[in-house]
Amino acid sequence: MNLKQLEYFVSVAELGSFSKAALVLNVAQPALSRQVRLLETDLHANLLTRNGRGVVLTEAGKRLFDHSVGILQLVARATEDIDATRDEPTGRIVIGLPPSIGRRLTLPLVEDFRRNFPKARLAIVEGLSTHLTEWIATGRIDIGLIHNPEPNPAIEVTPVLDEVLGLVGPAERKAGKPCKPGKVSPLPLAELVNFPLILPERTHAMRKLLETQAAFADLKLDVTLEVSSVQSILDLVAAGHGYAVLSQTALAASGRPEAFCLRPLVKPSLTSTLFLAVSAHKPATPLGRRAMRLLQDLVATSVEDGSAITKRDS
């Protein structure tokens, strides 16, 4: 087993195709296939299953994939760390963003990153907080913004933003109450049972928070639809299929916040906290530390509605 074999294997697994991986890696497909076969021979295990559409990982392949990503990133970090002592930060860093904030941060993040670290490379992935937590723990991403993480010894988290959650309905329907700026009436949590709700699936951080508070208050929510995409949830709300429970950030990311009315939940109020997360077991590189500060600054400057979002002190 060698690093080149692991790199080839990871590329094939991520792209799901030998031909696509060969193009990306700029190597001949027979040479690529031979290296993966040698890896399977060394490990005495089938790592990939071939089918008409490409390849998929076997159980053994999934295990090796997680190890391989971590190994390759450790090697990259070692190189970056040495390079950074000689000059400005170099190397590659992967940042994970939740969809609710990714749309607002991606463009300024790319622009600021290129301006501050011209010799470094940036990759951005989007995913639910549960997925981002797993990817940080396994080394697939270096830094992530995640909502309300559960205790996990594999990651270190720092709170950066508090977001008030509220009932979201179409502006023209006023979510049951007047929706003029400065005149939005809060909604007691107990009254949430009167609204048909469109919520993400139960693995979503916001859904977990809402379900927990409802259970404490002995409330049974009327969940009429379960939809993963926040943008799709807002489309359904706008079309009159129900109401959502979201933050002001999610509305701003939709690109049409004026189309919706948000009534903050009270008695008790519900606050979703955004955390900056990194691996607890891998030392941060100079590029990683500076990228973390950059990301925190961007989150702070993205705050526009102080009544709905509260910046955390660094």
C-alpha atoms as a PDB file:
ATOM      1  CA  MET A   1       0.000   0.000   0.000  1.00  0.00           C
ATOM      2  CA  ASN A   2       1.297   3.466  -0.856  1.00  0.00           C
ATOM      3  CA  LEU A   3       0.010   7.028  -0.947  1.00  0.00           C
ATOM      4  CA  LYS A   4      -0.487   7.027  -4.711  1.00  0.00           C
ATOM      5  CA  GLN A   5      -2.713   3.959  -4.486  1.00  0.00           C
ATOM      6  CA  LEU A   6      -4.751   5.600  -1.728  1.00  0.00           C
ATOM      7  CA  GLU A   7      -5.086   8.808  -3.753  1.00  0.00           C
ATOM      8  CA  TYR A   8      -6.264   6.878  -6.810  1.00  0.00           C
ATOM      9  CA  PHE A   9      -8.692   4.812  -4.743  1.00  0.00           C
ATOM     10  CA  VAL A  10     -10.222   7.895  -3.076  1.00  0.00           C
ATOM     11  CA  SER A  11     -10.672   9.647  -6.432  1.00  0.00           C
ATOM     12  CA  VAL A  12     -12.423   6.642  -7.960  1.00  0.00           C
ATOM     13  CA  ALA A  13     -14.652   6.286  -4.881  1.00  0.00           C
ATOM     14  CA  GLU A  14     -15.606   9.979  -4.815  1.00  0.00           C
ATOM     15  CA  LEU A  15     -16.327  10.188  -8.541  1.00  0.00           C
ATOM     16  CA  GLY A  16     -17.902   6.732  -8.778  1.00  0.00           C
ATOM     17  CA  SER A  17     -16.079   6.011 -12.033  1.00  0.00           C
ATOM     18  CA  PHE A  18     -12.625   4.899 -13.196  1.00  0.00           C
ATOM     19  CA  SER A  19     -12.901   6.930 -16.385  1.00  0.00           C
ATOM     20  CA  LYS A  20     -13.815  10.146 -14.581  1.00  0.00           C
ATOM     21  CA  ALA A  21     -11.062   9.635 -12.006  1.00  0.00           C
ATOM     22  CA  ALA A  22      -8.519   9.029 -14.767  1.00  0.00           C
ATOM     23  CA  LEU A  23      -9.451  12.338 -16.382  1.00  0.00           C
ATOM     24  CA  VAL A  24      -9.245  14.256 -13.095  1.00  0.00           C
ATOM     25  CA  LEU A  25      -5.928  12.646 -12.116  1.00  0.00           C
ATOM     26  CA  ASN A  26      -4.552  12.911 -15.670  1.00  0.00           C
ATOM     27  CA  VAL A  27      -3.459   9.266 -15.767  1.00  0.00           C
ATOM     28  CA  ALA A  28      -4.287   6.451 -18.147  1.00  0.00           C
ATOM     29  CA  GLN A  29      -7.311   4.427 -17.079  1.00  0.00           C
ATOM     30  CA  PRO A  30      -5.480   1.043 -17.321  1.00  0.00           C
ATOM     31  CA  ALA A  31      -2.755   2.359 -15.006  1.00  0.00           C
ATOM     32  CA  LEU A  32      -5.365   3.630 -12.574  1.00  0.00           C
ATOM     33  CA  SER A  33      -7.238   0.310 -12.580  1.00  0.00           C
ATOM     34  CA  ARG A  34      -3.990  -1.587 -12.051  1.00  0.00           C
ATOM     35  CA  GLN A  35      -3.072   0.457  -8.960  1.00  0.00           C
ATOM     36  CA  VAL A  36      -6.519  -0.106  -7.416  1.00  0.00           C
ATOM     37  CA  ARG A  37      -6.291  -3.846  -8.144  1.00  0.00           C
ATOM     38  CA  LEU A  38      -2.864  -3.963  -6.468  1.00  0.00           C
ATOM     39  CA  LEU A  39      -4.374  -2.257  -3.442  1.00  0.00           C
ATOM     40  CA  GLU A  40      -7.160  -4.839  -3.296  1.00  0.00           C
ATOM     41  CA  THR A  41      -4.575  -7.624  -3.640  1.00  0.00           C
ATOM     42  CA  ASP A  42      -2.453  -6.211  -0.799  1.00  0.00           C
ATOM     43  CA  LEU A  43      -5.484  -5.990   1.488  1.00  0.00           C
ATOM     44  CA  HIS A  44      -7.046  -9.294   0.364  1.00  0.00           C
ATOM     45  CA  ALA A  45     -10.399  -7.533  -0.001  1.00  0.00           C
ATOM     46  CA  ASN A  46     -12.698  -6.257  -2.725  1.00  0.00           C
ATOM     47  CA  LEU A  47     -12.962  -2.487  -2.298  1.00  0.00           C
ATOM     48  CA  LEU A  48     -15.208  -1.546  -5.219  1.00  0.00           C
ATOM     49  CA  THR A  49     -18.169  -3.181  -6.913  1.00  0.00           C
ATOM     50  CA  ARG A  50     -18.478  -2.526 -10.635  1.00  0.00           C
ATOM     51  CA  ASN A  51     -21.918  -1.985 -12.170  1.00  0.00           C
ATOM     52  CA  GLY A  52     -23.375  -0.525 -15.338  1.00  0.00           C
ATOM     53  CA  ARG A  53     -23.238   3.033 -13.995  1.00  0.00           C
ATOM     54  CA  GLY A  54     -19.733   2.932 -12.523  1.00  0.00           C
ATOM     55  CA  VAL A  55     -18.468   1.695  -9.161  1.00  0.00           C
ATOM     56  CA  VAL A  56     -19.687   1.721  -5.555  1.00  0.00           C
ATOM     57  CA  LEU A  57     -17.804   1.017  -2.337  1.00  0.00           C
ATOM     58  CA  THR A  58     -18.051  -2.340  -0.617  1.00  0.00           C
ATOM     59  CA  GLU A  59     -18.157  -2.468   3.184  1.00  0.00           C
ATOM     60  CA  ALA A  60     -14.385  -2.957   3.239  1.00  0.00           C
ATOM     61  CA  GLY A  61     -14.057  -0.113   0.763  1.00  0.00           C
ATOM     62  CA  LYS A  62     -16.069   2.226   2.974  1.00  0.00           C
ATOM     63  CA  ARG A  63     -13.764   1.496   5.902  1.00  0.00           C
ATOM     64  CA  LEU A  64     -10.645   2.074   3.835  1.00  0.00           C
ATOM     65  CA  PHE A  65     -12.112   5.238   2.321  1.00  0.00           C
ATOM     66  CA  ASP A  66     -12.495   6.898   5.734  1.00  0.00           C
ATOM     67  CA  HIS A  67      -8.941   5.919   6.699  1.00  0.00           C
ATOM     68  CA  SER A  68      -7.547   7.015   3.325  1.00  0.00           C
ATOM     69  CA  VAL A  69      -9.091  10.483   3.446  1.00  0.00           C
ATOM     70  CA  GLY A  70      -7.624  11.034   6.901  1.00  0.00           C
ATOM     71  CA  ILE A  71      -4.180   9.756   5.858  1.00  0.00           C
ATOM     72  CA  LEU A  72      -4.028  11.906   2.740  1.00  0.00           C
ATOM     73  CA  GLN A  73      -5.127  14.979   4.653  1.00  0.00           C
ATOM     74  CA  LEU A  74      -2.512  14.384   7.339  1.00  0.00           C
ATOM     75  CA  VAL A  75       0.181  14.186   4.659  1.00  0.00           C
ATOM     76  CA  ALA A  76      -1.144  17.380   3.077  1.00  0.00           C
ATOM     77  CA  ARG A  77      -1.183  19.147   6.439  1.00  0.00           C
ATOM     78  CA  ALA A  78       2.416  18.165   7.113  1.00  0.00           C
ATOM     79  CA  THR A  79       3.462  19.661   3.783  1.00  0.00           C
ATOM     80  CA  GLU A  80       1.395  22.788   4.394  1.00  0.00           C
ATOM     81  CA  ASP A  81       2.852  23.239   7.863  1.00  0.00           C
ATOM     82  CA  ILE A  82       6.409  23.135   6.544  1.00  0.00           C
ATOM     83  CA  ASP A  83       5.580  25.432   3.637  1.00  0.00           C
ATOM     84  CA  ALA A  84       3.848  27.921   5.933  1.00  0.00           C
ATOM     85  CA  THR A  85       7.005  28.403   8.004  1.00  0.00           C
ATOM     86  CA  ARG A  86       8.829  29.583   4.909  1.00  0.00           C
ATOM     87  CA  ASP A  87       6.263  31.877   3.367  1.00  0.00           C
ATOM     88  CA  GLU A  88       2.576  32.787   3.407  1.00  0.00           C
ATOM     89  CA  PRO A  89       0.008  30.011   4.033  1.00  0.00           C
ATOM     90  CA  THR A  90      -0.190  27.409   1.283  1.00  0.00           C
ATOM     91  CA  GLY A  91      -1.934  24.119   0.720  1.00  0.00           C
ATOM     92  CA  ARG A  92      -5.586  23.162   0.579  1.00  0.00           C
ATOM     93  CA  ILE A  93      -8.353  23.519   3.130  1.00  0.00           C
ATOM     94  CA  VAL A  94     -11.918  22.169   3.042  1.00  0.00           C
ATOM     95  CA  ILE A  95     -14.685  24.170   4.746  1.00  0.00           C
ATOM     96  CA  GLY A  96     -18.169  22.821   5.356  1.00  0.00           C
ATOM     97  CA  LEU A  97     -21.213  25.108   5.507  1.00  0.00           C
ATOM     98  CA  PRO A  98     -24.865  24.392   6.319  1.00  0.00           C
ATOM     99  CA  PRO A  99     -27.271  25.276   3.480  1.00  0.00           C
ATOM    100  CA  SER A 100     -29.023  27.914   5.606  1.00  0.00           C
ATOM    101  CA  ILE A 101     -25.895  30.059   5.697  1.00  0.00           C
ATOM    102  CA  GLY A 102     -23.845  28.716   2.808  1.00  0.00           C
ATOM    103  CA  ARG A 103     -25.641  30.802   0.206  1.00  0.00           C
ATOM    104  CA  ARG A 104     -24.740  34.018   2.004  1.00  0.00           C
ATOM    105  CA  LEU A 105     -21.158  33.134   2.909  1.00  0.00           C
ATOM    106  CA  THR A 106     -19.813  31.259  -0.102  1.00  0.00           C
ATOM    107  CA  LEU A 107     -19.137  34.253  -2.368  1.00  0.00           C
ATOM    108  CA  PRO A 108     -17.511  36.522   0.271  1.00  0.00           C
ATOM    109  CA  LEU A 109     -15.581  33.527   1.658  1.00  0.00           C
ATOM    110  CA  VAL A 110     -14.082  32.700  -1.739  1.00  0.00           C
ATOM    111  CA  GLU A 111     -13.250  36.347  -2.476  1.00  0.00           C
ATOM    112  CA  ASP A 112     -11.647  37.014   0.923  1.00  0.00           C
ATOM    113  CA  PHE A 113      -9.783  33.705   0.877  1.00  0.00           C
ATOM    114  CA  ARG A 114      -8.250  34.389  -2.527  1.00  0.00           C
ATOM    115  CA  ARG A 115      -7.319  37.906  -1.533  1.00  0.00           C
ATOM    116  CA  ASN A 116      -5.697  36.865   1.770  1.00  0.00           C
ATOM    117  CA  PHE A 117      -4.196  33.506   0.782  1.00  0.00           C
ATOM    118  CA  PRO A 118      -3.333  33.645  -2.935  1.00  0.00           C
ATOM    119  CA  LYS A 119      -1.067  30.592  -2.722  1.00  0.00           C
ATOM    120  CA  ALA A 120      -3.620  28.392  -0.952  1.00  0.00           C
ATOM    121  CA  ARG A 121      -6.571  26.409  -2.319  1.00  0.00           C
ATOM    122  CA  LEU A 122     -10.090  26.353  -0.926  1.00  0.00           C
ATOM    123  CA  ALA A 123     -12.829  23.737  -1.238  1.00  0.00           C
ATOM    124  CA  ILE A 124     -16.353  24.349   0.077  1.00  0.00           C
ATOM    125  CA  VAL A 125     -18.953  21.664   0.712  1.00  0.00           C
ATOM    126  CA  GLU A 126     -22.515  22.006   1.980  1.00  0.00           C
ATOM    127  CA  GLY A 127     -24.308  19.582   4.245  1.00  0.00           C
ATOM    128  CA  LEU A 128     -26.568  19.197   7.240  1.00  0.00           C
ATOM    129  CA  SER A 129     -24.916  19.728  10.612  1.00  0.00           C
ATOM    130  CA  THR A 130     -25.000  15.993  11.390  1.00  0.00           C
ATOM    131  CA  HIS A 131     -23.152  15.238   8.160  1.00  0.00           C
ATOM    132  CA  LEU A 132     -20.627  18.045   8.669  1.00  0.00           C
ATOM    133  CA  THR A 133     -19.881  16.769  12.176  1.00  0.00           C
ATOM    134  CA  GLU A 134     -19.166  13.293  10.819  1.00  0.00           C
ATOM    135  CA  TRP A 135     -16.975  14.658   8.036  1.00  0.00           C
ATOM    136  CA  ILE A 136     -14.915  16.729  10.492  1.00  0.00           C
ATOM    137  CA  ALA A 137     -14.467  13.723  12.763  1.00  0.00           C
ATOM    138  CA  THR A 138     -13.300  11.519   9.868  1.00  0.00           C
ATOM    139  CA  GLY A 139     -11.056  14.185   8.336  1.00  0.00           C
ATOM    140  CA  ARG A 140     -13.002  14.784   5.131  1.00  0.00           C
ATOM    141  CA  ILE A 141     -13.317  18.487   5.960  1.00  0.00           C
ATOM    142  CA  ASP A 142     -11.096  20.732   8.066  1.00  0.00           C
ATOM    143  CA  ILE A 143     -13.473  23.391   9.391  1.00  0.00           C
ATOM    144  CA  GLY A 144     -17.244  23.502   9.605  1.00  0.00           C
ATOM    145  CA  LEU A 145     -20.090  25.708  10.725  1.00  0.00           C
ATOM    146  CA  ILE A 146     -22.674  23.523  12.478  1.00  0.00           C
ATOM    147  CA  HIS A 147     -25.925  24.123  14.339  1.00  0.00           C
ATOM    148  CA  ASN A 148     -26.494  22.864  17.883  1.00  0.00           C
ATOM    149  CA  PRO A 149     -23.989  19.974  17.858  1.00  0.00           C
ATOM    150  CA  GLU A 150     -24.397  17.113  20.283  1.00  0.00           C
ATOM    151  CA  PRO A 151     -21.404  16.368  22.546  1.00  0.00           C
ATOM    152  CA  ASN A 152     -18.730  14.617  20.481  1.00  0.00           C
ATOM    153  CA  PRO A 153     -15.165  13.968  21.696  1.00  0.00           C
ATOM    154  CA  ALA A 154     -13.932  13.943  18.095  1.00  0.00           C
ATOM    155  CA  ILE A 155     -14.625  17.644  17.494  1.00  0.00           C
ATOM    156  CA  GLU A 156     -13.945  20.965  19.205  1.00  0.00           C
ATOM    157  CA  VAL A 157     -16.608  23.657  18.907  1.00  0.00           C
ATOM    158  CA  THR A 158     -16.774  27.406  19.502  1.00  0.00           C
ATOM    159  CA  PRO A 159     -20.118  29.278  19.521  1.00  0.00           C
ATOM    160  CA  VAL A 160     -20.149  32.156  17.051  1.00  0.00           C
ATOM    161  CA  LEU A 161     -23.789  33.095  16.471  1.00  0.00           C
ATOM    162  CA  ASP A 162     -27.175  32.869  18.221  1.00  0.00           C
ATOM    163  CA  GLU A 163     -30.248  32.854  15.985  1.00  0.00           C
ATOM    164  CA  VAL A 164     -33.804  33.286  17.214  1.00  0.00           C
ATOM    165  CA  LEU A 165     -36.240  30.784  15.713  1.00  0.00           C
ATOM    166  CA  GLY A 166     -39.742  31.769  14.693  1.00  0.00           C
ATOM    167  CA  LEU A 167     -42.845  30.668  12.833  1.00  0.00           C
ATOM    168  CA  VAL A 168     -42.503  31.502   9.146  1.00  0.00           C
ATOM    169  CA  GLY A 169     -45.492  32.041   6.896  1.00  0.00           C
ATOM    170  CA  PRO A 170     -46.226  33.945   3.686  1.00  0.00           C
ATOM    171  CA  ALA A 171     -46.118  37.706   4.234  1.00  0.00           C
ATOM    172  CA  GLU A 172     -49.483  38.225   2.571  1.00  0.00           C
ATOM    173  CA  ARG A 173     -51.093  35.739   4.952  1.00  0.00           C
ATOM    174  CA  LYS A 174     -49.366  37.347   7.926  1.00  0.00           C
ATOM    175  CA  ALA A 175     -48.796  33.974   9.651  1.00  0.00           C
ATOM    176  CA  GLY A 176     -52.063  34.643  11.488  1.00  0.00           C
ATOM    177  CA  LYS A 177     -51.008  38.106  12.741  1.00  0.00           C
ATOM    178  CA  PRO A 178     -49.959  41.497  11.353  1.00  0.00           C
ATOM    179  CA  CYS A 179     -46.526  41.335   9.736  1.00  0.00           C
ATOM    180  CA  LYS A 180     -45.517  44.952   9.397  1.00  0.00           C
ATOM    181  CA  PRO A 181     -41.906  45.858  10.277  1.00  0.00           C
ATOM    182  CA  GLY A 182     -41.644  46.530  13.991  1.00  0.00           C
ATOM    183  CA  LYS A 183     -45.164  45.206  14.636  1.00  0.00           C
ATOM    184  CA  VAL A 184     -44.655  41.453  14.401  1.00  0.00           C
ATOM    185  CA  SER A 185     -46.253  39.748  17.374  1.00  0.00           C
ATOM    186  CA  PRO A 186     -44.336  36.890  19.033  1.00  0.00           C
ATOM    187  CA  LEU A 187     -45.918  33.447  19.116  1.00  0.00           C
ATOM    188  CA  PRO A 188     -46.027  31.417  22.360  1.00  0.00           C
ATOM    189  CA  LEU A 189     -44.609  27.949  21.789  1.00  0.00           C
ATOM    190  CA  ALA A 190     -47.879  26.375  22.998  1.00  0.00           C
ATOM    191  CA  GLU A 191     -49.710  27.937  20.029  1.00  0.00           C
ATOM    192  CA  LEU A 192     -47.387  26.269  17.534  1.00  0.00           C
ATOM    193  CA  VAL A 193     -49.651  23.196  17.651  1.00  0.00           C
ATOM    194  CA  ASN A 194     -52.299  25.194  15.755  1.00  0.00           C
ATOM    195  CA  PHE A 195     -50.185  25.462  12.594  1.00  0.00           C
ATOM    196  CA  PRO A 196     -49.494  22.760   9.988  1.00  0.00           C
ATOM    197  CA  LEU A 197     -45.707  22.574   9.892  1.00  0.00           C
ATOM    198  CA  ILE A 198     -43.216  21.768   7.139  1.00  0.00           C
ATOM    199  CA  LEU A 199     -40.029  20.624   8.886  1.00  0.00           C
ATOM    200  CA  PRO A 200     -36.754  18.908   7.974  1.00  0.00           C
ATOM    201  CA  GLU A 201     -36.330  15.241   8.895  1.00  0.00           C
ATOM    202  CA  ARG A 202     -35.560  14.321  12.494  1.00  0.00           C
ATOM    203  CA  THR A 203     -31.770  14.240  11.990  1.00  0.00           C
ATOM    204  CA  HIS A 204     -31.753  17.979  11.256  1.00  0.00           C
ATOM    205  CA  ALA A 205     -30.324  20.051  14.158  1.00  0.00           C
ATOM    206  CA  MET A 206     -33.205  22.549  14.164  1.00  0.00           C
ATOM    207  CA  ARG A 207     -35.800  19.753  14.120  1.00  0.00           C
ATOM    208  CA  LYS A 208     -34.113  18.088  17.100  1.00  0.00           C
ATOM    209  CA  LEU A 209     -34.136  21.357  19.029  1.00  0.00           C
ATOM    210  CA  LEU A 210     -37.797  21.996  18.251  1.00  0.00           C
ATOM    211  CA  GLU A 211     -38.916  18.446  19.061  1.00  0.00           C
ATOM    212  CA  THR A 212     -37.031  18.513  22.368  1.00  0.00           C
ATOM    213  CA  GLN A 213     -38.668  21.758  23.487  1.00  0.00           C
ATOM    214  CA  ALA A 214     -42.091  20.517  22.388  1.00  0.00           C
ATOM    215  CA  ALA A 215     -41.605  17.325  24.394  1.00  0.00           C
ATOM    216  CA  PHE A 216     -40.631  19.314  27.491  1.00  0.00           C
ATOM    217  CA  ALA A 217     -43.839  21.335  27.127  1.00  0.00           C
ATOM    218  CA  ASP A 218     -45.923  18.188  26.434  1.00  0.00           C
ATOM    219  CA  LEU A 219     -46.905  19.497  22.989  1.00  0.00           C
ATOM    220  CA  LYS A 220     -47.672  17.433  19.894  1.00  0.00           C
ATOM    221  CA  LEU A 221     -46.691  19.292  16.739  1.00  0.00           C
ATOM    222  CA  ASP A 222     -48.722  19.008  13.537  1.00  0.00           C
ATOM    223  CA  VAL A 223     -45.992  18.032  11.059  1.00  0.00           C
ATOM    224  CA  THR A 224     -47.680  17.750   7.668  1.00  0.00           C
ATOM    225  CA  LEU A 225     -44.568  17.509   5.498  1.00  0.00           C
ATOM    226  CA  GLU A 226     -40.910  16.557   6.035  1.00  0.00           C
ATOM    227  CA  VAL A 227     -38.552  18.220   3.558  1.00  0.00           C
ATOM    228  CA  SER A 228     -34.754  18.363   3.839  1.00  0.00           C
ATOM    229  CA  SER A 229     -34.055  21.457   1.726  1.00  0.00           C
ATOM    230  CA  VAL A 230     -34.666  24.805   3.425  1.00  0.00           C
ATOM    231  CA  GLN A 231     -35.196  26.421   0.033  1.00  0.00           C
ATOM    232  CA  SER A 232     -37.848  23.831  -0.844  1.00  0.00           C
ATOM    233  CA  ILE A 233     -39.502  24.365   2.542  1.00  0.00           C
ATOM    234  CA  LEU A 234     -39.785  28.091   1.824  1.00  0.00           C
ATOM    235  CA  ASP A 235     -41.170  27.410  -1.648  1.00  0.00           C
ATOM    236  CA  LEU A 236     -43.890  25.258  -0.070  1.00  0.00           C
ATOM    237  CA  VAL A 237     -44.614  27.898   2.564  1.00  0.00           C
ATOM    238  CA  ALA A 238     -44.909  30.572  -0.110  1.00  0.00           C
ATOM    239  CA  ALA A 239     -47.352  28.337  -1.993  1.00  0.00           C
ATOM    240  CA  GLY A 240     -49.544  27.998   1.086  1.00  0.00           C
ATOM    241  CA  HIS A 241     -48.865  24.364   1.992  1.00  0.00           C
ATOM    242  CA  GLY A 242     -47.965  25.096   5.603  1.00  0.00           C
ATOM    243  CA  TYR A 243     -45.620  26.965   7.930  1.00  0.00           C
ATOM    244  CA  ALA A 244     -41.957  26.579   8.824  1.00  0.00           C
ATOM    245  CA  VAL A 245     -39.817  27.149  11.885  1.00  0.00           C
ATOM    246  CA  LEU A 246     -36.636  28.904  10.781  1.00  0.00           C
ATOM    247  CA  SER A 247     -34.274  31.762  11.594  1.00  0.00           C
ATOM    248  CA  GLN A 248     -33.878  35.163   9.983  1.00  0.00           C
ATOM    249  CA  THR A 249     -30.655  33.902   8.414  1.00  0.00           C
ATOM    250  CA  ALA A 250     -32.553  31.217   6.520  1.00  0.00           C
ATOM    251  CA  LEU A 251     -35.000  33.813   5.193  1.00  0.00           C
ATOM    252  CA  ALA A 252     -32.181  36.136   4.125  1.00  0.00           C
ATOM    253  CA  ALA A 253     -30.459  33.239   2.324  1.00  0.00           C
ATOM    254  CA  SER A 254     -33.618  32.614   0.313  1.00  0.00           C
ATOM    255  CA  GLY A 255     -33.050  35.852  -1.582  1.00  0.00           C
ATOM    256  CA  ARG A 256     -36.641  36.975  -0.973  1.00  0.00           C
ATOM    257  CA  PRO A 257     -37.062  37.623   2.764  1.00  0.00           C
ATOM    258  CA  GLU A 258     -39.804  40.173   2.054  1.00  0.00           C
ATOM    259  CA  ALA A 259     -42.038  37.317   0.869  1.00  0.00           C
ATOM    260  CA  PHE A 260     -42.225  35.853   4.380  1.00  0.00           C
ATOM    261  CA  CYS A 261     -43.246  36.818   7.885  1.00  0.00           C
ATOM    262  CA  LEU A 262     -41.317  35.530  10.896  1.00  0.00           C
ATOM    263  CA  ARG A 263     -42.962  35.564  14.351  1.00  0.00           C
ATOM    264  CA  PRO A 264     -40.351  34.845  17.058  1.00  0.00           C
ATOM    265  CA  LEU A 265     -41.244  31.935  19.323  1.00  0.00           C
ATOM    266  CA  VAL A 266     -41.549  32.801  23.021  1.00  0.00           C
ATOM    267  CA  LYS A 267     -42.489  31.177  26.339  1.00  0.00           C
ATOM    268  CA  PRO A 268     -39.889  29.816  25.966  1.00  0.00           C
ATOM    269  CA  SER A 269     -37.933  31.482  23.201  1.00  0.00           C
ATOM    270  CA  LEU A 270     -36.004  29.115  20.961  1.00  0.00           C
ATOM    271  CA  THR A 271     -32.451  29.973  19.980  1.00  0.00           C
ATOM    272  CA  SER A 272     -30.354  28.012  17.527  1.00  0.00           C
ATOM    273  CA  THR A 273     -26.609  28.438  18.032  1.00  0.00           C
ATOM    274  CA  LEU A 274     -24.095  28.268  15.202  1.00  0.00           C
ATOM    275  CA  PHE A 275     -20.714  26.792  16.143  1.00  0.00           C
ATOM    276  CA  LEU A 276     -17.323  26.775  14.472  1.00  0.00           C
ATOM    277  CA  ALA A 277     -16.080  23.178  14.574  1.00  0.00           C
ATOM    278  CA  VAL A 278     -12.704  21.525  13.986  1.00  0.00           C
ATOM    279  CA  SER A 279     -11.186  18.132  14.705  1.00  0.00           C
ATOM    280  CA  ALA A 280     -10.168  17.539  18.308  1.00  0.00           C
ATOM    281  CA  HIS A 281      -7.401  15.151  17.278  1.00  0.00           C
ATOM    282  CA  LYS A 282      -5.596  16.976  14.475  1.00  0.00           C
ATOM    283  CA  PRO A 283      -3.453  20.055  15.116  1.00  0.00           C
ATOM    284  CA  ALA A 284      -4.519  23.116  13.169  1.00  0.00           C
ATOM    285  CA  THR A 285      -2.148  24.300  10.451  1.00  0.00           C
ATOM    286  CA  PRO A 286      -1.249  27.994  10.069  1.00  0.00           C
ATOM    287  CA  LEU A 287      -3.612  28.120   7.092  1.00  0.00           C
ATOM    288  CA  GLY A 288      -6.338  26.469   9.178  1.00  0.00           C
ATOM    289  CA  ARG A 289      -5.998  28.955  12.024  1.00  0.00           C
ATOM    290  CA  ARG A 290      -6.146  31.942   9.700  1.00  0.00           C
ATOM    291  CA  ALA A 291      -9.077  30.466   7.775  1.00  0.00           C
ATOM    292  CA  MET A 292     -10.958  30.026  11.063  1.00  0.00           C
ATOM    293  CA  ARG A 293     -10.484  33.692  11.927  1.00  0.00           C
ATOM    294  CA  LEU A 294     -11.583  34.671   8.434  1.00  0.00           C
ATOM    295  CA  LEU A 295     -14.715  32.539   8.724  1.00  0.00           C
ATOM    296  CA  GLN A 296     -15.600  34.003  12.132  1.00  0.00           C
ATOM    297  CA  ASP A 297     -15.201  37.541  10.772  1.00  0.00           C
ATOM    298  CA  LEU A 298     -17.452  36.751   7.814  1.00  0.00           C
ATOM    299  CA  VAL A 299     -20.161  35.341  10.080  1.00  0.00           C
ATOM    300  CA  ALA A 300     -19.997  38.493  12.187  1.00  0.00           C
ATOM    301  CA  THR A 301     -20.248  40.834   9.206  1.00  0.00           C
ATOM    302  CA  SER A 302     -23.163  38.841   7.757  1.00  0.00           C
ATOM    303  CA  VAL A 303     -25.294  39.780  10.760  1.00  0.00           C
ATOM    304  CA  GLU A 304     -27.862  42.301   9.579  1.00  0.00           C
ATOM    305  CA  ASP A 305     -30.884  41.943  11.862  1.00  0.00           C
ATOM    306  CA  GLY A 306     -29.762  42.404  15.457  1.00  0.00           C
ATOM    307  CA  SER A 307     -33.207  41.508  16.786  1.00  0.00           C
ATOM    308  CA  ALA A 308     -33.092  38.097  15.192  1.00  0.00           C
ATOM    309  CA  ILE A 309     -29.396  37.261  15.359  1.00  0.00           C
ATOM    310  CA  THR A 310     -26.859  37.946  18.074  1.00  0.00           C
ATOM    311  CA  LYS A 311     -23.131  37.787  17.407  1.00  0.00           C
ATOM    312  CA  ARG A 312     -21.130  35.780  19.903  1.00  0.00           C
ATOM    313  CA  ASP A 313     -18.083  37.363  21.493  1.00  0.00           C
ATOM    314  CA  SER A 314     -14.882  35.859  20.155  1.00  0.00           C
END
